[in-house]
Amino acid sequence: MGYVFLAGAIACEVVATLCLRASEGFSRLGFATVVVVGYVAAFVLLSLTLTRGVQLGVAYGIWAAVGVAAVAVLSIPLFGEGLTGTQVGGLVLVVLGVVALEVGGTS
C-alpha cells in the first residue's frame, strides 16, 4: 500500500509543478490554487508512504526522480520546451540511480 501512496504523491507533485509554470508567477488564481493544494497533498501522501514501511531514502529517491522526469517530459508538449541530448542522458542517469537504490535495498 505504501507504493500506492507514493504514486499518488508523485502525481500530485507533478501536477502542482506543472501548474506552477502555468500560474505565471501566481497571477492566475486557478492554477495557483492547484499548486498549493497539490504540494500539500503530495507531502501528506509521502508521509503516508513512510508510515507504510517504505524507507525514506527509497521513497524520496523515487519521488524526486519520477517527478523530475515526468515534469521534464510533460513540459515538452504542454509548454513547448525541449530537452537536449545531455538532459536526456541526465534523466536516464537519475532513473538508473533510483533503480540502484531500490535494488540495493533488497540485497
PDB file of N, CA and C in Angstrom:
ATOM      1  N   MET A   1       0.822  -1.199   0.000  1.00  0.00           N
ATOM      2  CA  MET A   1       0.000   0.000   0.000  1.00  0.00           C
ATOM      3  C   MET A   1       0.863   1.259   0.000  1.00  0.00           C
ATOM      4  N   GLY A   2       2.073   1.155   0.564  1.00  0.00           N
ATOM      5  CA  GLY A   2       2.962   2.315   0.604  1.00  0.00           C
ATOM      6  C   GLY A   2       3.279   2.855  -0.773  1.00  0.00           C
ATOM      7  N   TYR A   3       3.459   1.964  -1.721  1.00  0.00           N
ATOM      8  CA  TYR A   3       3.802   2.416  -3.067  1.00  0.00           C
ATOM      9  C   TYR A   3       2.600   3.031  -3.795  1.00  0.00           C
ATOM     10  N   VAL A   4       1.395   2.670  -3.383  1.00  0.00           N
ATOM     11  CA  VAL A   4       0.202   3.318  -3.940  1.00  0.00           C
ATOM     12  C   VAL A   4       0.168   4.776  -3.479  1.00  0.00           C
ATOM     13  N   PHE A   5       0.433   4.998  -2.187  1.00  0.00           N
ATOM     14  CA  PHE A   5       0.508   6.368  -1.674  1.00  0.00           C
ATOM     15  C   PHE A   5       1.638   7.142  -2.355  1.00  0.00           C
ATOM     16  N   LEU A   6       2.760   6.467  -2.595  1.00  0.00           N
ATOM     17  CA  LEU A   6       3.890   7.124  -3.261  1.00  0.00           C
ATOM     18  C   LEU A   6       3.502   7.543  -4.681  1.00  0.00           C
ATOM     19  N   ALA A   7       2.792   6.694  -5.399  1.00  0.00           N
ATOM     20  CA  ALA A   7       2.340   7.045  -6.750  1.00  0.00           C
ATOM     21  C   ALA A   7       1.426   8.271  -6.702  1.00  0.00           C
ATOM     22  N   GLY A   8       0.553   8.321  -5.711  1.00  0.00           N
ATOM     23  CA  GLY A   8      -0.314   9.482  -5.548  1.00  0.00           C
ATOM     24  C   GLY A   8       0.473  10.736  -5.237  1.00  0.00           C
ATOM     25  N   ALA A   9       1.489  10.607  -4.387  1.00  0.00           N
ATOM     26  CA  ALA A   9       2.343  11.751  -4.044  1.00  0.00           C
ATOM     27  C   ALA A   9       3.059  12.277  -5.281  1.00  0.00           C
ATOM     28  N   ILE A  10       3.549  11.370  -6.089  1.00  0.00           N
ATOM     29  CA  ILE A  10       4.244  11.768  -7.323  1.00  0.00           C
ATOM     30  C   ILE A  10       3.281  12.485  -8.263  1.00  0.00           C
ATOM     31  N   ALA A  11       2.099  11.928  -8.441  1.00  0.00           N
ATOM     32  CA  ALA A  11       1.116  12.536  -9.335  1.00  0.00           C
ATOM     33  C   ALA A  11       0.749  13.945  -8.869  1.00  0.00           C
ATOM     34  N   CYS A  12       0.521  14.105  -7.572  1.00  0.00           N
ATOM     35  CA  CYS A  12       0.174  15.427  -7.028  1.00  0.00           C
ATOM     36  C   CYS A  12       1.310  16.417  -7.220  1.00  0.00           C
ATOM     37  N   GLU A  13       2.520  15.967  -6.984  1.00  0.00           N
ATOM     38  CA  GLU A  13       3.676  16.863  -7.115  1.00  0.00           C
ATOM     39  C   GLU A  13       3.892  17.271  -8.569  1.00  0.00           C
ATOM     40  N   VAL A  14       3.720  16.348  -9.490  1.00  0.00           N
ATOM     41  CA  VAL A  14       3.896  16.656 -10.912  1.00  0.00           C
ATOM     42  C   VAL A  14       2.832  17.652 -11.366  1.00  0.00           C
ATOM     43  N   VAL A  15       1.586  17.409 -11.007  1.00  0.00           N
ATOM     44  CA  VAL A  15       0.508  18.337 -11.384  1.00  0.00           C
ATOM     45  C   VAL A  15       0.771  19.715 -10.781  1.00  0.00           C
ATOM     46  N   ALA A  16       1.158  19.758  -9.508  1.00  0.00           N
ATOM     47  CA  ALA A  16       1.423  21.038  -8.845  1.00  0.00           C
ATOM     48  C   ALA A  16       2.568  21.790  -9.522  1.00  0.00           C
ATOM     49  N   THR A  17       3.615  21.076  -9.883  1.00  0.00           N
ATOM     50  CA  THR A  17       4.763  21.724 -10.526  1.00  0.00           C
ATOM     51  C   THR A  17       4.403  22.250 -11.909  1.00  0.00           C
ATOM     52  N   LEU A  18       3.654  21.482 -12.664  1.00  0.00           N
ATOM     53  CA  LEU A  18       3.219  21.948 -13.976  1.00  0.00           C
ATOM     54  C   LEU A  18       2.298  23.164 -13.845  1.00  0.00           C
ATOM     55  N   CYS A  19       1.443  23.149 -12.851  1.00  0.00           N
ATOM     56  CA  CYS A  19       0.562  24.301 -12.622  1.00  0.00           C
ATOM     57  C   CYS A  19       1.347  25.511 -12.113  1.00  0.00           C
ATOM     58  N   LEU A  20       2.459  25.278 -11.447  1.00  0.00           N
ATOM     59  CA  LEU A  20       3.311  26.389 -11.018  1.00  0.00           C
ATOM     60  C   LEU A  20       3.799  27.155 -12.233  1.00  0.00           C
ATOM     61  N   ARG A  21       4.192  26.438 -13.261  1.00  0.00           N
ATOM     62  CA  ARG A  21       4.624  27.073 -14.512  1.00  0.00           C
ATOM     63  C   ARG A  21       3.460  27.788 -15.177  1.00  0.00           C
ATOM     64  N   ALA A  22       2.299  27.128 -15.176  1.00  0.00           N
ATOM     65  CA  ALA A  22       1.113  27.687 -15.832  1.00  0.00           C
ATOM     66  C   ALA A  22       0.520  28.869 -15.061  1.00  0.00           C
ATOM     67  N   SER A  23       0.838  28.987 -13.779  1.00  0.00           N
ATOM     68  CA  SER A  23       0.254  30.064 -12.963  1.00  0.00           C
ATOM     69  C   SER A  23       0.830  31.435 -13.288  1.00  0.00           C
ATOM     70  N   GLU A  24       1.921  31.452 -14.052  1.00  0.00           N
ATOM     71  CA  GLU A  24       2.565  32.706 -14.461  1.00  0.00           C
ATOM     72  C   GLU A  24       2.832  33.614 -13.263  1.00  0.00           C
ATOM     73  N   GLY A  25       3.634  33.084 -12.336  1.00  0.00           N
ATOM     74  CA  GLY A  25       4.010  33.859 -11.153  1.00  0.00           C
ATOM     75  C   GLY A  25       2.852  34.052 -10.190  1.00  0.00           C
ATOM     76  N   PHE A  26       1.989  33.060 -10.086  1.00  0.00           N
ATOM     77  CA  PHE A  26       0.815  33.078  -9.216  1.00  0.00           C
ATOM     78  C   PHE A  26      -0.187  34.151  -9.616  1.00  0.00           C
ATOM     79  N   SER A  27      -0.128  34.623 -10.865  1.00  0.00           N
ATOM     80  CA  SER A  27      -1.072  35.637 -11.323  1.00  0.00           C
ATOM     81  C   SER A  27      -2.377  35.012 -11.826  1.00  0.00           C
ATOM     82  N   ARG A  28      -2.376  33.713 -12.032  1.00  0.00           N
ATOM     83  CA  ARG A  28      -3.588  33.010 -12.468  1.00  0.00           C
ATOM     84  C   ARG A  28      -4.069  32.161 -11.295  1.00  0.00           C
ATOM     85  N   LEU A  29      -5.088  32.654 -10.609  1.00  0.00           N
ATOM     86  CA  LEU A  29      -5.533  32.100  -9.329  1.00  0.00           C
ATOM     87  C   LEU A  29      -5.901  30.627  -9.392  1.00  0.00           C
ATOM     88  N   GLY A  30      -6.553  30.188 -10.455  1.00  0.00           N
ATOM     89  CA  GLY A  30      -6.942  28.777 -10.555  1.00  0.00           C
ATOM     90  C   GLY A  30      -5.734  27.854 -10.519  1.00  0.00           C
ATOM     91  N   PHE A  31      -4.728  28.180 -11.304  1.00  0.00           N
ATOM     92  CA  PHE A  31      -3.509  27.365 -11.312  1.00  0.00           C
ATOM     93  C   PHE A  31      -2.764  27.488  -9.980  1.00  0.00           C
ATOM     94  N   ALA A  32      -2.730  28.682  -9.415  1.00  0.00           N
ATOM     95  CA  ALA A  32      -2.041  28.892  -8.134  1.00  0.00           C
ATOM     96  C   ALA A  32      -2.684  28.060  -7.033  1.00  0.00           C
ATOM     97  N   THR A  33      -3.985  27.950  -7.061  1.00  0.00           N
ATOM     98  CA  THR A  33      -4.691  27.135  -6.067  1.00  0.00           C
ATOM     99  C   THR A  33      -4.308  25.663  -6.207  1.00  0.00           C
ATOM    100  N   VAL A  34      -4.233  25.189  -7.435  1.00  0.00           N
ATOM    101  CA  VAL A  34      -3.838  23.799  -7.674  1.00  0.00           C
ATOM    102  C   VAL A  34      -2.404  23.563  -7.188  1.00  0.00           C
ATOM    103  N   VAL A  35      -1.541  24.551  -7.330  1.00  0.00           N
ATOM    104  CA  VAL A  35      -0.158  24.433  -6.855  1.00  0.00           C
ATOM    105  C   VAL A  35      -0.146  24.171  -5.351  1.00  0.00           C
ATOM    106  N   VAL A  36      -0.833  24.996  -4.606  1.00  0.00           N
ATOM    107  CA  VAL A  36      -0.825  24.872  -3.145  1.00  0.00           C
ATOM    108  C   VAL A  36      -1.463  23.561  -2.697  1.00  0.00           C
ATOM    109  N   VAL A  37      -2.633  23.256  -3.231  1.00  0.00           N
ATOM    110  CA  VAL A  37      -3.326  22.017  -2.857  1.00  0.00           C
ATOM    111  C   VAL A  37      -2.502  20.798  -3.276  1.00  0.00           C
ATOM    112  N   GLY A  38      -1.922  20.849  -4.462  1.00  0.00           N
ATOM    113  CA  GLY A  38      -1.135  19.723  -4.959  1.00  0.00           C
ATOM    114  C   GLY A  38       0.093  19.430  -4.123  1.00  0.00           C
ATOM    115  N   TYR A  39       0.825  20.480  -3.731  1.00  0.00           N
ATOM    116  CA  TYR A  39       2.011  20.257  -2.904  1.00  0.00           C
ATOM    117  C   TYR A  39       1.651  19.762  -1.510  1.00  0.00           C
ATOM    118  N   VAL A  40       0.578  20.307  -0.923  1.00  0.00           N
ATOM    119  CA  VAL A  40       0.143  19.813   0.394  1.00  0.00           C
ATOM    120  C   VAL A  40      -0.246  18.345   0.290  1.00  0.00           C
ATOM    121  N   ALA A  41      -1.022  17.995  -0.716  1.00  0.00           N
ATOM    122  CA  ALA A  41      -1.432  16.601  -0.913  1.00  0.00           C
ATOM    123  C   ALA A  41      -0.223  15.698  -1.137  1.00  0.00           C
ATOM    124  N   ALA A  42       0.753  16.175  -1.891  1.00  0.00           N
ATOM    125  CA  ALA A  42       1.950  15.370  -2.161  1.00  0.00           C
ATOM    126  C   ALA A  42       2.691  15.044  -0.869  1.00  0.00           C
ATOM    127  N   PHE A  43       2.836  16.029   0.007  1.00  0.00           N
ATOM    128  CA  PHE A  43       3.554  15.776   1.256  1.00  0.00           C
ATOM    129  C   PHE A  43       2.751  14.892   2.207  1.00  0.00           C
ATOM    130  N   VAL A  44       1.440  15.051   2.231  1.00  0.00           N
ATOM    131  CA  VAL A  44       0.609  14.168   3.056  1.00  0.00           C
ATOM    132  C   VAL A  44       0.738  12.732   2.564  1.00  0.00           C
ATOM    133  N   LEU A  45       0.650  12.538   1.258  1.00  0.00           N
ATOM    134  CA  LEU A  45       0.773  11.191   0.701  1.00  0.00           C
ATOM    135  C   LEU A  45       2.172  10.614   0.888  1.00  0.00           C
ATOM    136  N   LEU A  46       3.202  11.458   0.788  1.00  0.00           N
ATOM    137  CA  LEU A  46       4.558  10.974   1.054  1.00  0.00           C
ATOM    138  C   LEU A  46       4.682  10.533   2.506  1.00  0.00           C
ATOM    139  N   SER A  47       4.082  11.284   3.410  1.00  0.00           N
ATOM    140  CA  SER A  47       4.099  10.904   4.819  1.00  0.00           C
ATOM    141  C   SER A  47       3.406   9.558   5.031  1.00  0.00           C
ATOM    142  N   LEU A  48       2.271   9.362   4.375  1.00  0.00           N
ATOM    143  CA  LEU A  48       1.568   8.076   4.475  1.00  0.00           C
ATOM    144  C   LEU A  48       2.403   6.946   3.886  1.00  0.00           C
ATOM    145  N   THR A  49       3.153   7.248   2.848  1.00  0.00           N
ATOM    146  CA  THR A  49       4.067   6.256   2.267  1.00  0.00           C
ATOM    147  C   THR A  49       5.058   5.774   3.320  1.00  0.00           C
ATOM    148  N   LEU A  50       5.624   6.715   4.046  1.00  0.00           N
ATOM    149  CA  LEU A  50       6.639   6.372   5.048  1.00  0.00           C
ATOM    150  C   LEU A  50       6.047   5.595   6.216  1.00  0.00           C
ATOM    151  N   THR A  51       4.786   5.885   6.573  1.00  0.00           N
ATOM    152  CA  THR A  51       4.161   5.139   7.666  1.00  0.00           C
ATOM    153  C   THR A  51       3.812   3.717   7.265  1.00  0.00           C
ATOM    154  N   ARG A  52       3.873   3.433   5.972  1.00  0.00           N
ATOM    155  CA  ARG A  52       3.583   2.080   5.485  1.00  0.00           C
ATOM    156  C   ARG A  52       4.851   1.259   5.285  1.00  0.00           C
ATOM    157  N   GLY A  53       5.977   1.763   5.776  1.00  0.00           N
ATOM    158  CA  GLY A  53       7.195   0.969   5.783  1.00  0.00           C
ATOM    159  C   GLY A  53       8.157   1.178   4.632  1.00  0.00           C
ATOM    160  N   VAL A  54       7.845   2.066   3.718  1.00  0.00           N
ATOM    161  CA  VAL A  54       8.785   2.344   2.639  1.00  0.00           C
ATOM    162  C   VAL A  54       9.910   3.201   3.217  1.00  0.00           C
ATOM    163  N   GLN A  55      11.144   2.805   2.969  1.00  0.00           N
ATOM    164  CA  GLN A  55      12.289   3.534   3.514  1.00  0.00           C
ATOM    165  C   GLN A  55      12.353   4.945   2.933  1.00  0.00           C
ATOM    166  N   LEU A  56      12.756   5.894   3.775  1.00  0.00           N
ATOM    167  CA  LEU A  56      12.799   7.296   3.379  1.00  0.00           C
ATOM    168  C   LEU A  56      13.679   7.516   2.143  1.00  0.00           C
ATOM    169  N   GLY A  57      14.879   6.958   2.136  1.00  0.00           N
ATOM    170  CA  GLY A  57      15.791   7.153   1.009  1.00  0.00           C
ATOM    171  C   GLY A  57      15.230   6.627  -0.295  1.00  0.00           C
ATOM    172  N   VAL A  58      14.580   5.497  -0.224  1.00  0.00           N
ATOM    173  CA  VAL A  58      13.983   4.898  -1.420  1.00  0.00           C
ATOM    174  C   VAL A  58      12.770   5.716  -1.859  1.00  0.00           C
ATOM    175  N   ALA A  59      11.885   6.037  -0.923  1.00  0.00           N
ATOM    176  CA  ALA A  59      10.675   6.788  -1.257  1.00  0.00           C
ATOM    177  C   ALA A  59      11.026   8.153  -1.840  1.00  0.00           C
ATOM    178  N   TYR A  60      11.930   8.857  -1.189  1.00  0.00           N
ATOM    179  CA  TYR A  60      12.281  10.193  -1.666  1.00  0.00           C
ATOM    180  C   TYR A  60      13.005  10.125  -3.007  1.00  0.00           C
ATOM    181  N   GLY A  61      13.860   9.125  -3.164  1.00  0.00           N
ATOM    182  CA  GLY A  61      14.571   8.953  -4.434  1.00  0.00           C
ATOM    183  C   GLY A  61      13.613   8.703  -5.588  1.00  0.00           C
ATOM    184  N   ILE A  62      12.655   7.817  -5.373  1.00  0.00           N
ATOM    185  CA  ILE A  62      11.675   7.525  -6.415  1.00  0.00           C
ATOM    186  C   ILE A  62      10.814   8.757  -6.679  1.00  0.00           C
ATOM    187  N   TRP A  63      10.362   9.395  -5.616  1.00  0.00           N
ATOM    188  CA  TRP A  63       9.502  10.578  -5.733  1.00  0.00           C
ATOM    189  C   TRP A  63      10.206  11.675  -6.536  1.00  0.00           C
ATOM    190  N   ALA A  64      11.432  11.953  -6.174  1.00  0.00           N
ATOM    191  CA  ALA A  64      12.171  13.021  -6.843  1.00  0.00           C
ATOM    192  C   ALA A  64      12.479  12.671  -8.293  1.00  0.00           C
ATOM    193  N   ALA A  65      12.979  11.468  -8.518  1.00  0.00           N
ATOM    194  CA  ALA A  65      13.393  11.081  -9.870  1.00  0.00           C
ATOM    195  C   ALA A  65      12.215  11.004 -10.834  1.00  0.00           C
ATOM    196  N   VAL A  66      11.159  10.339 -10.416  1.00  0.00           N
ATOM    197  CA  VAL A  66       9.996  10.210 -11.301  1.00  0.00           C
ATOM    198  C   VAL A  66       9.369  11.583 -11.519  1.00  0.00           C
ATOM    199  N   GLY A  67       9.330  12.394 -10.459  1.00  0.00           N
ATOM    200  CA  GLY A  67       8.782  13.740 -10.602  1.00  0.00           C
ATOM    201  C   GLY A  67       9.571  14.589 -11.575  1.00  0.00           C
ATOM    202  N   VAL A  68      10.884  14.581 -11.441  1.00  0.00           N
ATOM    203  CA  VAL A  68      11.734  15.361 -12.349  1.00  0.00           C
ATOM    204  C   VAL A  68      11.570  14.883 -13.784  1.00  0.00           C
ATOM    205  N   ALA A  69      11.606  13.583 -13.977  1.00  0.00           N
ATOM    206  CA  ALA A  69      11.482  13.034 -15.337  1.00  0.00           C
ATOM    207  C   ALA A  69      10.115  13.358 -15.934  1.00  0.00           C
ATOM    208  N   ALA A  70       9.057  13.180 -15.155  1.00  0.00           N
ATOM    209  CA  ALA A  70       7.711  13.437 -15.670  1.00  0.00           C
ATOM    210  C   ALA A  70       7.516  14.906 -16.022  1.00  0.00           C
ATOM    211  N   VAL A  71       7.978  15.796 -15.149  1.00  0.00           N
ATOM    212  CA  VAL A  71       7.831  17.229 -15.426  1.00  0.00           C
ATOM    213  C   VAL A  71       8.637  17.617 -16.672  1.00  0.00           C
ATOM    214  N   ALA A  72       9.846  17.102 -16.785  1.00  0.00           N
ATOM    215  CA  ALA A  72      10.672  17.429 -17.948  1.00  0.00           C
ATOM    216  C   ALA A  72      10.024  16.953 -19.245  1.00  0.00           C
ATOM    217  N   VAL A  73       9.505  15.741 -19.232  1.00  0.00           N
ATOM    218  CA  VAL A  73       8.896  15.185 -20.443  1.00  0.00           C
ATOM    219  C   VAL A  73       7.564  15.873 -20.751  1.00  0.00           C
ATOM    220  N   LEU A  74       6.734  16.098 -19.741  1.00  0.00           N
ATOM    221  CA  LEU A  74       5.434  16.729 -19.969  1.00  0.00           C
ATOM    222  C   LEU A  74       5.556  18.204 -20.346  1.00  0.00           C
ATOM    223  N   SER A  75       6.654  18.836 -19.979  1.00  0.00           N
ATOM    224  CA  SER A  75       6.864  20.241 -20.349  1.00  0.00           C
ATOM    225  C   SER A  75       7.067  20.418 -21.854  1.00  0.00           C
ATOM    226  N   ILE A  76       7.430  19.356 -22.522  1.00  0.00           N
ATOM    227  CA  ILE A  76       7.640  19.445 -23.976  1.00  0.00           C
ATOM    228  C   ILE A  76       6.312  19.733 -24.688  1.00  0.00           C
ATOM    229  N   PRO A  77       5.285  18.874 -24.529  1.00  0.00           N
ATOM    230  CA  PRO A  77       4.038  19.180 -25.237  1.00  0.00           C
ATOM    231  C   PRO A  77       3.227  20.316 -24.601  1.00  0.00           C
ATOM    232  N   LEU A  78       3.319  20.453 -23.275  1.00  0.00           N
ATOM    233  CA  LEU A  78       2.479  21.445 -22.601  1.00  0.00           C
ATOM    234  C   LEU A  78       2.985  22.876 -22.754  1.00  0.00           C
ATOM    235  N   PHE A  79       4.302  23.050 -22.736  1.00  0.00           N
ATOM    236  CA  PHE A  79       4.864  24.403 -22.729  1.00  0.00           C
ATOM    237  C   PHE A  79       5.830  24.661 -23.881  1.00  0.00           C
ATOM    238  N   GLY A  80       5.977  23.692 -24.772  1.00  0.00           N
ATOM    239  CA  GLY A  80       6.861  23.871 -25.910  1.00  0.00           C
ATOM    240  C   GLY A  80       8.333  23.890 -25.564  1.00  0.00           C
ATOM    241  N   GLU A  81       8.679  23.327 -24.416  1.00  0.00           N
ATOM    242  CA  GLU A  81      10.080  23.255 -24.017  1.00  0.00           C
ATOM    243  C   GLU A  81      10.731  22.052 -24.690  1.00  0.00           C
ATOM    244  N   GLY A  82      12.044  21.992 -24.671  1.00  0.00           N
ATOM    245  CA  GLY A  82      12.759  20.883 -25.279  1.00  0.00           C
ATOM    246  C   GLY A  82      13.791  20.300 -24.331  1.00  0.00           C
ATOM    247  N   LEU A  83      14.356  19.200 -24.732  1.00  0.00           N
ATOM    248  CA  LEU A  83      15.428  18.552 -23.976  1.00  0.00           C
ATOM    249  C   LEU A  83      16.601  18.307 -24.915  1.00  0.00           C
ATOM    250  N   THR A  84      17.790  18.651 -24.451  1.00  0.00           N
ATOM    251  CA  THR A  84      18.993  18.347 -25.223  1.00  0.00           C
ATOM    252  C   THR A  84      19.389  16.898 -24.966  1.00  0.00           C
ATOM    253  N   GLY A  85      20.296  16.406 -25.757  1.00  0.00           N
ATOM    254  CA  GLY A  85      20.809  15.053 -25.542  1.00  0.00           C
ATOM    255  C   GLY A  85      21.430  14.894 -24.166  1.00  0.00           C
ATOM    256  N   THR A  86      22.129  15.914 -23.720  1.00  0.00           N
ATOM    257  CA  THR A  86      22.734  15.875 -22.380  1.00  0.00           C
ATOM    258  C   THR A  86      21.668  15.788 -21.300  1.00  0.00           C
ATOM    259  N   GLN A  87      20.583  16.532 -21.466  1.00  0.00           N
ATOM    260  CA  GLN A  87      19.499  16.486 -20.487  1.00  0.00           C
ATOM    261  C   GLN A  87      18.815  15.119 -20.468  1.00  0.00           C
ATOM    262  N   VAL A  88      18.606  14.542 -21.622  1.00  0.00           N
ATOM    263  CA  VAL A  88      18.018  13.204 -21.692  1.00  0.00           C
ATOM    264  C   VAL A  88      18.945  12.205 -21.001  1.00  0.00           C
ATOM    265  N   GLY A  89      20.246  12.314 -21.257  1.00  0.00           N
ATOM    266  CA  GLY A  89      21.218  11.444 -20.581  1.00  0.00           C
ATOM    267  C   GLY A  89      21.164  11.608 -19.074  1.00  0.00           C
ATOM    268  N   GLY A  90      21.020  12.845 -18.623  1.00  0.00           N
ATOM    269  CA  GLY A  90      20.909  13.102 -17.188  1.00  0.00           C
ATOM    270  C   GLY A  90      19.676  12.463 -16.585  1.00  0.00           C
ATOM    271  N   LEU A  91      18.556  12.544 -17.295  1.00  0.00           N
ATOM    272  CA  LEU A  91      17.333  11.903 -16.803  1.00  0.00           C
ATOM    273  C   LEU A  91      17.494  10.390 -16.721  1.00  0.00           C
ATOM    274  N   VAL A  92      18.154   9.810 -17.706  1.00  0.00           N
ATOM    275  CA  VAL A  92      18.409   8.362 -17.679  1.00  0.00           C
ATOM    276  C   VAL A  92      19.265   8.008 -16.461  1.00  0.00           C
ATOM    277  N   LEU A  93      20.280   8.818 -16.178  1.00  0.00           N
ATOM    278  CA  LEU A  93      21.130   8.556 -15.012  1.00  0.00           C
ATOM    279  C   LEU A  93      20.357   8.679 -13.708  1.00  0.00           C
ATOM    280  N   VAL A  94      19.454   9.641 -13.627  1.00  0.00           N
ATOM    281  CA  VAL A  94      18.636   9.797 -12.425  1.00  0.00           C
ATOM    282  C   VAL A  94      17.780   8.557 -12.212  1.00  0.00           C
ATOM    283  N   VAL A  95      17.140   8.081 -13.270  1.00  0.00           N
ATOM    284  CA  VAL A  95      16.295   6.889 -13.172  1.00  0.00           C
ATOM    285  C   VAL A  95      17.139   5.673 -12.789  1.00  0.00           C
ATOM    286  N   LEU A  96      18.307   5.535 -13.392  1.00  0.00           N
ATOM    287  CA  LEU A  96      19.192   4.413 -13.042  1.00  0.00           C
ATOM    288  C   LEU A  96      19.635   4.500 -11.588  1.00  0.00           C
ATOM    289  N   GLY A  97      19.859   5.693 -11.095  1.00  0.00           N
ATOM    290  CA  GLY A  97      20.225   5.862  -9.688  1.00  0.00           C
ATOM    291  C   GLY A  97      19.124   5.390  -8.752  1.00  0.00           C
ATOM    292  N   VAL A  98      17.895   5.684  -9.089  1.00  0.00           N
ATOM    293  CA  VAL A  98      16.780   5.236  -8.259  1.00  0.00           C
ATOM    294  C   VAL A  98      16.627   3.729  -8.319  1.00  0.00           C
ATOM    295  N   VAL A  99      16.821   3.161  -9.495  1.00  0.00           N
ATOM    296  CA  VAL A  99      16.775   1.697  -9.617  1.00  0.00           C
ATOM    297  C   VAL A  99      17.864   1.071  -8.739  1.00  0.00           C
ATOM    298  N   ALA A 100      19.044   1.667  -8.732  1.00  0.00           N
ATOM    299  CA  ALA A 100      20.140   1.163  -7.890  1.00  0.00           C
ATOM    300  C   ALA A 100      19.772   1.257  -6.409  1.00  0.00           C
ATOM    301  N   LEU A 101      19.114   2.335  -5.999  1.00  0.00           N
ATOM    302  CA  LEU A 101      18.661   2.453  -4.610  1.00  0.00           C
ATOM    303  C   LEU A 101      17.688   1.338  -4.253  1.00  0.00           C
ATOM    304  N   GLU A 102      16.746   1.088  -5.128  1.00  0.00           N
ATOM    305  CA  GLU A 102      15.737   0.076  -4.877  1.00  0.00           C
ATOM    306  C   GLU A 102      16.344  -1.323  -4.854  1.00  0.00           C
ATOM    307  N   VAL A 103      17.169  -1.629  -5.840  1.00  0.00           N
ATOM    308  CA  VAL A 103      17.796  -2.956  -5.906  1.00  0.00           C
ATOM    309  C   VAL A 103      18.766  -3.145  -4.746  1.00  0.00           C
ATOM    310  N   GLY A 104      19.513  -2.127  -4.431  1.00  0.00           N
ATOM    311  CA  GLY A 104      20.473  -2.205  -3.322  1.00  0.00           C
ATOM    312  C   GLY A 104      19.810  -2.422  -1.986  1.00  0.00           C
ATOM    313  N   GLY A 105      18.577  -1.962  -1.841  1.00  0.00           N
ATOM    314  CA  GLY A 105      17.849  -2.135  -0.584  1.00  0.00           C
ATOM    315  C   GLY A 105      17.306  -3.534  -0.400  1.00  0.00           C
ATOM    316  N   THR A 106      17.213  -4.302  -1.468  1.00  0.00           N
ATOM    317  CA  THR A 106      16.661  -5.652  -1.361  1.00  0.00           C
ATOM    318  C   THR A 106      17.748  -6.722  -1.219  1.00  0.00           C
ATOM    319  N   SER A 107      19.015  -6.337  -1.352  1.00  0.00           N
ATOM    320  CA  SER A 107      20.055  -7.372  -1.275  1.00  0.00           C
ATOM    321  C   SER A 107      20.684  -7.437   0.085  1.00  0.00           C
TER     322      SER A 107
END
